[in-house]
């Protein structure tokens, strides 16, 4: 894979401590990867956070950077630890202590996509897995770390809003107060990844847009929230999961009739979240 594994869209001037990211919306599928898969072009995209990058597109206009994956989640998962290697997929990896993500096929090099469907016709070499991590995972996280450090230095804190999408059925059985299933799930690892004042305002931004919001159930925050969330050091991470049924047909992975309205709604939400970290001293994009 020779394409850049991510891109950063910077505002003319950064005026907020907030950073938006979408680590699972990448859709540059290497041809050799597709040839080695059982899956057709649609099935392999089933674990992709399709269109989340577009929904976050207003971030630079609100003064916040937008970090977007280009590499697809099925190829390498940027929201996993680089040592979460699956011995059932990768040759030469020793079986270790039980890790539920690895056991379910969702390590840093996923073995399956949505609904547990196997990706590969066979196993892959450890050297190949390590090359993907070096080529894709490490540059993405170096860029994310740099953004977090720059914002902490310039604004006194960094607030990462790590955005994802969730299948509509994922929140079945998790009712919110007032009835209905959540349309947005906010994860702060039960307070370990972000200060309550920040999480409260992010929740309020979605709620004021008319969306039903839950916290930490069933998604409390994965590797990025765990690795980068250090509220005591001024590094805050909030994971956001948005119900795909709000804007797309999950079967065909196409926007539905509600997509335009969702884009308008998300532009307002992004602006409101960016305002959480608004400061008088902007940071130049360059």
Protein backbone atom coordinates (compact mmCIF):
# COMPACT_ATOMS: atom_id res chain seq x y z
CA UNK A 1 0.00 0.00 0.00
CA UNK A 2 1.63 3.24 -1.16
CA UNK A 3 -1.17 5.74 -0.46
CA UNK A 4 -0.93 8.00 2.57
CA UNK A 5 -2.65 6.16 5.46
CA UNK A 6 -4.32 9.34 6.75
CA UNK A 7 -4.91 13.00 6.00
CA UNK A 8 -5.25 16.04 8.22
CA UNK A 9 -7.58 18.88 7.29
CA UNK A 10 -6.42 22.01 9.10
CA UNK A 11 -8.33 25.25 9.54
CA UNK A 12 -6.75 28.51 8.45
CA UNK A 13 -6.21 29.14 12.15
CA UNK A 14 -6.82 26.77 15.00
CA UNK A 15 -9.00 28.58 17.51
CA UNK A 16 -10.07 25.71 19.76
CA UNK A 17 -8.46 23.00 21.84
CA UNK A 18 -10.79 20.48 20.20
CA UNK A 19 -9.54 17.95 17.60
CA UNK A 20 -11.88 15.73 15.61
CA UNK A 21 -10.81 12.33 14.28
CA UNK A 22 -12.32 9.45 12.33
CA UNK A 23 -10.01 6.40 12.47
CA UNK A 24 -12.42 3.97 10.79
CA UNK A 25 -13.78 5.87 7.76
CA UNK A 26 -10.87 5.00 5.46
CA UNK A 27 -11.81 3.29 2.20
CA UNK A 28 -8.57 2.90 0.23
CA UNK A 29 -8.53 -0.89 -0.17
CA UNK A 30 -5.25 -2.29 -1.57
CA UNK A 31 -5.93 -4.55 -4.57
CA UNK A 32 -3.71 -7.35 -3.25
CA UNK A 33 -5.64 -7.27 0.03
CA UNK A 34 -8.95 -7.59 -1.82
CA UNK A 35 -7.65 -10.50 -3.88
CA UNK A 36 -6.81 -12.44 -0.72
CA UNK A 37 -10.25 -11.99 0.78
CA UNK A 38 -13.33 -14.20 0.63
CA UNK A 39 -15.53 -11.11 0.74
CA UNK A 40 -17.07 -9.12 -2.05
CA UNK A 41 -16.59 -5.37 -2.37
CA UNK A 42 -19.66 -4.60 -0.26
CA UNK A 43 -19.18 -7.12 2.53
CA UNK A 44 -15.60 -6.05 3.18
CA UNK A 45 -16.84 -2.52 3.87
CA UNK A 46 -19.31 -3.64 6.56
CA UNK A 47 -17.02 -2.68 9.45
CA UNK A 48 -16.15 0.69 7.88
CA UNK A 49 -17.47 3.91 9.47
CA UNK A 50 -18.76 5.02 6.10
CA UNK A 51 -19.45 8.76 5.65
CA UNK A 52 -18.29 9.76 9.13
CA UNK A 53 -15.47 11.72 7.51
CA UNK A 54 -18.01 13.68 5.46
CA UNK A 55 -20.24 14.30 8.47
CA UNK A 56 -17.24 15.82 10.27
CA UNK A 57 -16.21 17.96 7.30
CA UNK A 58 -17.33 21.24 8.97
CA UNK A 59 -14.65 20.89 11.67
CA UNK A 60 -11.96 23.05 9.99
CA UNK A 61 -14.48 25.85 9.43
CA UNK A 62 -15.12 25.71 13.19
CA UNK A 63 -11.39 26.16 13.88
CA UNK A 64 -10.58 22.53 14.66
CA UNK A 65 -8.28 20.04 12.88
CA UNK A 66 -9.82 16.94 11.37
CA UNK A 67 -7.72 13.75 11.32
CA UNK A 68 -9.07 11.17 8.86
CA UNK A 69 -7.92 7.64 8.17
CA UNK A 70 -7.47 6.66 4.53
CA UNK A 71 -6.52 3.06 5.32
CA UNK A 72 -9.61 0.88 5.95
CA UNK A 73 -10.32 -0.71 9.28
CA UNK A 74 -10.42 -4.18 7.71
CA UNK A 75 -6.78 -3.75 6.67
CA UNK A 76 -5.43 -2.31 9.94
CA UNK A 77 -7.43 -1.05 12.91
CA UNK A 78 -6.10 2.29 14.12
CA UNK A 79 -8.18 2.03 17.29
CA UNK A 80 -6.37 -1.04 18.60
CA UNK A 81 -3.05 -1.50 20.35
CA UNK A 82 -0.23 -2.48 17.97
CA UNK A 83 0.52 -5.54 20.10
CA UNK A 84 -3.01 -6.97 19.73
CA UNK A 85 -1.93 -9.59 17.19
CA UNK A 86 -4.25 -12.49 16.45
CA UNK A 87 -2.53 -15.92 16.46
CA UNK A 88 -5.45 -17.41 14.53
CA UNK A 89 -4.65 -15.08 11.62
CA UNK A 90 -0.96 -14.20 11.89
CA UNK A 91 1.66 -16.90 11.56
CA UNK A 92 4.37 -16.88 14.21
CA UNK A 93 2.32 -15.15 16.92
CA UNK A 94 2.30 -17.04 20.19
CA UNK A 95 -0.98 -17.50 22.03
CA UNK A 96 -1.06 -15.24 25.06
CA UNK A 97 -3.41 -14.23 27.82
CA UNK A 98 -7.07 -14.02 26.87
CA UNK A 99 -7.95 -10.80 25.08
CA UNK A 100 -11.62 -10.62 24.05
CA UNK A 101 -10.91 -8.36 21.08
CA UNK A 102 -8.30 -10.73 19.68
CA UNK A 103 -10.46 -13.77 20.43
CA UNK A 104 -13.34 -12.27 18.47
CA UNK A 105 -11.08 -11.54 15.50
CA UNK A 106 -10.83 -7.80 16.09
CA UNK A 107 -7.16 -7.26 16.77
CA UNK A 108 -5.00 -4.60 15.17
CA UNK A 109 -5.05 -6.68 11.96
CA UNK A 110 -8.69 -7.83 11.94
CA UNK A 111 -9.53 -11.41 11.05
CA UNK A 112 -13.25 -10.69 10.55
CA UNK A 113 -15.61 -7.90 9.55
CA UNK A 114 -19.13 -7.26 10.85
CA UNK A 115 -21.12 -10.29 12.00
CA UNK A 116 -17.93 -12.32 12.36
CA UNK A 117 -17.42 -12.92 8.63
CA UNK A 118 -13.83 -14.05 7.89
CA UNK A 119 -11.78 -11.71 5.73
CA UNK A 120 -8.94 -13.95 4.51
CA UNK A 121 -8.62 -17.15 2.54
CA UNK A 122 -5.62 -18.13 4.68
CA UNK A 123 -3.24 -16.80 7.29
CA UNK A 124 -0.77 -13.95 6.82
CA UNK A 125 2.89 -13.68 7.79
CA UNK A 126 4.00 -11.85 10.91
CA UNK A 127 6.30 -9.71 8.78
CA UNK A 128 3.33 -8.52 6.74
CA UNK A 129 1.36 -7.62 9.85
CA UNK A 130 4.31 -5.71 11.26
CA UNK A 131 4.79 -3.90 7.94
CA UNK A 132 1.17 -2.72 7.97
CA UNK A 133 1.58 -1.43 11.49
CA UNK A 134 4.80 0.40 10.57
CA UNK A 135 3.35 1.80 7.35
CA UNK A 136 -0.12 2.80 8.57
CA UNK A 137 -0.66 2.55 12.33
CA UNK A 138 2.50 4.30 13.54
CA UNK A 139 2.28 7.34 11.22
CA UNK A 140 -1.38 7.88 12.15
CA UNK A 141 -0.62 7.79 15.85
CA UNK A 142 2.44 9.99 15.47
CA UNK A 143 0.19 12.59 13.82
CA UNK A 144 -2.45 12.21 16.52
CA UNK A 145 0.12 12.58 19.29
CA UNK A 146 1.55 15.67 17.61
CA UNK A 147 -1.88 17.30 17.38
CA UNK A 148 -2.63 16.52 21.01
CA UNK A 149 0.71 17.95 22.16
CA UNK A 150 0.34 21.08 20.00
CA UNK A 151 -3.11 21.82 21.36
CA UNK A 152 -2.12 21.18 24.95
CA UNK A 153 0.81 23.60 24.55
CA UNK A 154 -1.21 26.28 22.76
CA UNK A 155 -4.53 26.11 24.61
CA UNK A 156 -3.67 24.57 27.97
CA UNK A 157 -5.50 21.35 27.13
CA UNK A 158 -6.33 19.09 24.20
CA UNK A 159 -9.79 17.63 23.61
CA UNK A 160 -9.97 14.76 21.13
CA UNK A 161 -13.41 13.80 19.82
CA UNK A 162 -12.85 10.34 18.33
CA UNK A 163 -15.82 9.68 16.07
CA UNK A 164 -17.27 6.37 14.93
CA UNK A 165 -20.52 4.87 13.67
CA UNK A 166 -22.41 1.94 15.12
CA UNK A 167 -24.85 -0.57 13.61
CA UNK A 168 -28.44 0.22 14.49
CA UNK A 169 -28.87 -3.12 16.24
CA UNK A 170 -25.79 -2.59 18.43
CA UNK A 171 -27.78 -0.57 20.96
CA UNK A 172 -30.81 -2.82 21.11
CA UNK A 173 -31.49 -3.49 24.77
CA UNK A 174 -29.86 -0.24 25.94
CA UNK A 175 -32.82 2.11 26.43
CA UNK A 176 -32.29 5.72 27.37
CA UNK A 177 -34.33 7.75 29.85
CA UNK A 178 -37.62 8.70 28.24
CA UNK A 179 -37.65 5.60 26.02
CA UNK A 180 -36.11 4.52 22.77
CA UNK A 181 -32.65 3.27 21.98
CA UNK A 182 -29.68 5.67 21.97
CA UNK A 183 -28.76 7.33 18.69
CA UNK A 184 -25.40 8.49 20.01
CA UNK A 185 -23.20 6.73 22.57
CA UNK A 186 -20.49 8.79 24.25
CA UNK A 187 -17.60 6.93 25.86
CA UNK A 188 -15.15 8.40 28.35
CA UNK A 189 -14.09 5.13 29.97
CA UNK A 190 -16.32 5.96 32.92
CA UNK A 191 -14.54 9.23 33.62
CA UNK A 192 -10.98 7.97 33.12
CA UNK A 193 -10.47 9.51 29.66
CA UNK A 194 -11.99 13.00 29.97
CA UNK A 195 -13.15 15.56 32.51
CA UNK A 196 -16.86 15.53 33.31
CA UNK A 197 -17.30 19.18 32.29
CA UNK A 198 -16.18 18.32 28.75
CA UNK A 199 -18.23 15.15 28.46
CA UNK A 200 -21.31 16.98 29.74
CA UNK A 201 -21.01 19.62 27.03
CA UNK A 202 -20.44 17.10 24.25
CA UNK A 203 -23.52 15.21 25.39
CA UNK A 204 -25.47 18.46 25.50
CA UNK A 205 -24.42 19.30 21.92
CA UNK A 206 -25.97 16.11 20.60
CA UNK A 207 -28.99 16.29 22.89
CA UNK A 208 -29.75 19.87 21.88
CA UNK A 209 -29.82 18.64 18.26
CA UNK A 210 -32.65 16.29 19.24
CA UNK A 211 -30.66 13.07 19.46
CA UNK A 212 -30.97 10.47 22.20
CA UNK A 213 -27.63 10.10 23.97
CA UNK A 214 -26.21 7.40 26.26
CA UNK A 215 -22.87 7.15 28.03
CA UNK A 216 -20.44 4.24 28.15
CA UNK A 217 -22.96 1.53 27.28
CA UNK A 218 -22.42 -0.42 25.17
CA UNK A 219 -19.29 1.52 24.08
CA UNK A 220 -17.06 3.03 26.76
CA UNK A 221 -14.05 3.86 24.58
CA UNK A 222 -11.37 1.70 22.99
CA UNK A 223 -7.59 2.00 22.54
CA UNK A 224 -7.44 5.69 21.58
CA UNK A 225 -9.46 6.75 24.62
CA UNK A 226 -7.40 4.51 26.89
CA UNK A 227 -4.01 5.52 25.48
CA UNK A 228 -4.52 9.26 25.04
CA UNK A 229 -7.06 10.20 27.69
CA UNK A 230 -5.17 11.78 30.61
CA UNK A 231 -7.49 14.37 32.14
CA UNK A 232 -5.05 15.20 34.94
CA UNK A 233 -2.50 16.18 32.28
CA UNK A 234 -5.02 18.16 30.22
CA UNK A 235 -5.44 15.47 27.56
CA UNK A 236 -9.13 14.58 27.17
CA UNK A 237 -10.58 11.95 24.83
CA UNK A 238 -14.25 11.31 24.20
CA UNK A 239 -15.33 8.51 21.87
CA UNK A 240 -18.55 9.17 19.93
CA UNK A 241 -20.61 6.44 18.25
CA UNK A 242 -23.40 7.56 15.91
CA UNK A 243 -26.22 5.27 14.76
CA UNK A 244 -25.68 4.54 11.05
CA UNK A 245 -29.42 4.26 10.49
CA UNK A 246 -29.70 8.03 10.94
CA UNK A 247 -28.05 8.70 7.59
CA UNK A 248 -27.35 5.54 5.59
CA UNK A 249 -28.72 2.24 4.38
CA UNK A 250 -26.54 -0.25 6.25
CA UNK A 251 -27.20 -3.03 3.74
CA UNK A 252 -26.07 -1.11 0.66
CA UNK A 253 -23.68 1.32 2.44
CA UNK A 254 -25.31 4.26 0.68
CA UNK A 255 -26.67 7.53 2.08
CA UNK A 256 -30.46 7.51 2.41
CA UNK A 257 -32.98 10.34 2.16
CA UNK A 258 -32.08 11.61 5.62
CA UNK A 259 -28.43 12.19 4.81
CA UNK A 260 -28.69 15.88 3.86
CA UNK A 261 -30.56 16.68 7.06
CA UNK A 262 -27.99 14.74 9.09
CA UNK A 263 -25.18 16.78 7.51
CA UNK A 264 -26.89 20.01 8.57
CA UNK A 265 -27.45 18.65 12.07
CA UNK A 266 -23.83 17.52 12.39
CA UNK A 267 -22.50 20.88 11.23
CA UNK A 268 -24.30 22.49 14.17
CA UNK A 269 -23.10 19.81 16.59
CA UNK A 270 -19.48 20.09 15.41
CA UNK A 271 -19.57 23.88 15.82
CA UNK A 272 -21.02 23.56 19.32
CA UNK A 273 -18.40 21.02 20.36
CA UNK A 274 -15.60 23.15 18.92
CA UNK A 275 -16.87 26.05 21.02
CA UNK A 276 -16.09 24.03 24.16
CA UNK A 277 -12.39 24.64 23.59
CA UNK A 278 -12.58 28.12 22.06
CA UNK A 279 -9.68 30.33 23.08
CA UNK A 280 -8.69 33.92 22.34
CA UNK A 281 -5.18 32.98 21.16
CA UNK A 282 -5.44 30.98 17.90
CA UNK A 283 -2.81 28.54 16.68
CA UNK A 284 -1.73 29.03 13.07
CA UNK A 285 -2.48 26.02 10.85
CA UNK A 286 1.05 25.89 9.50
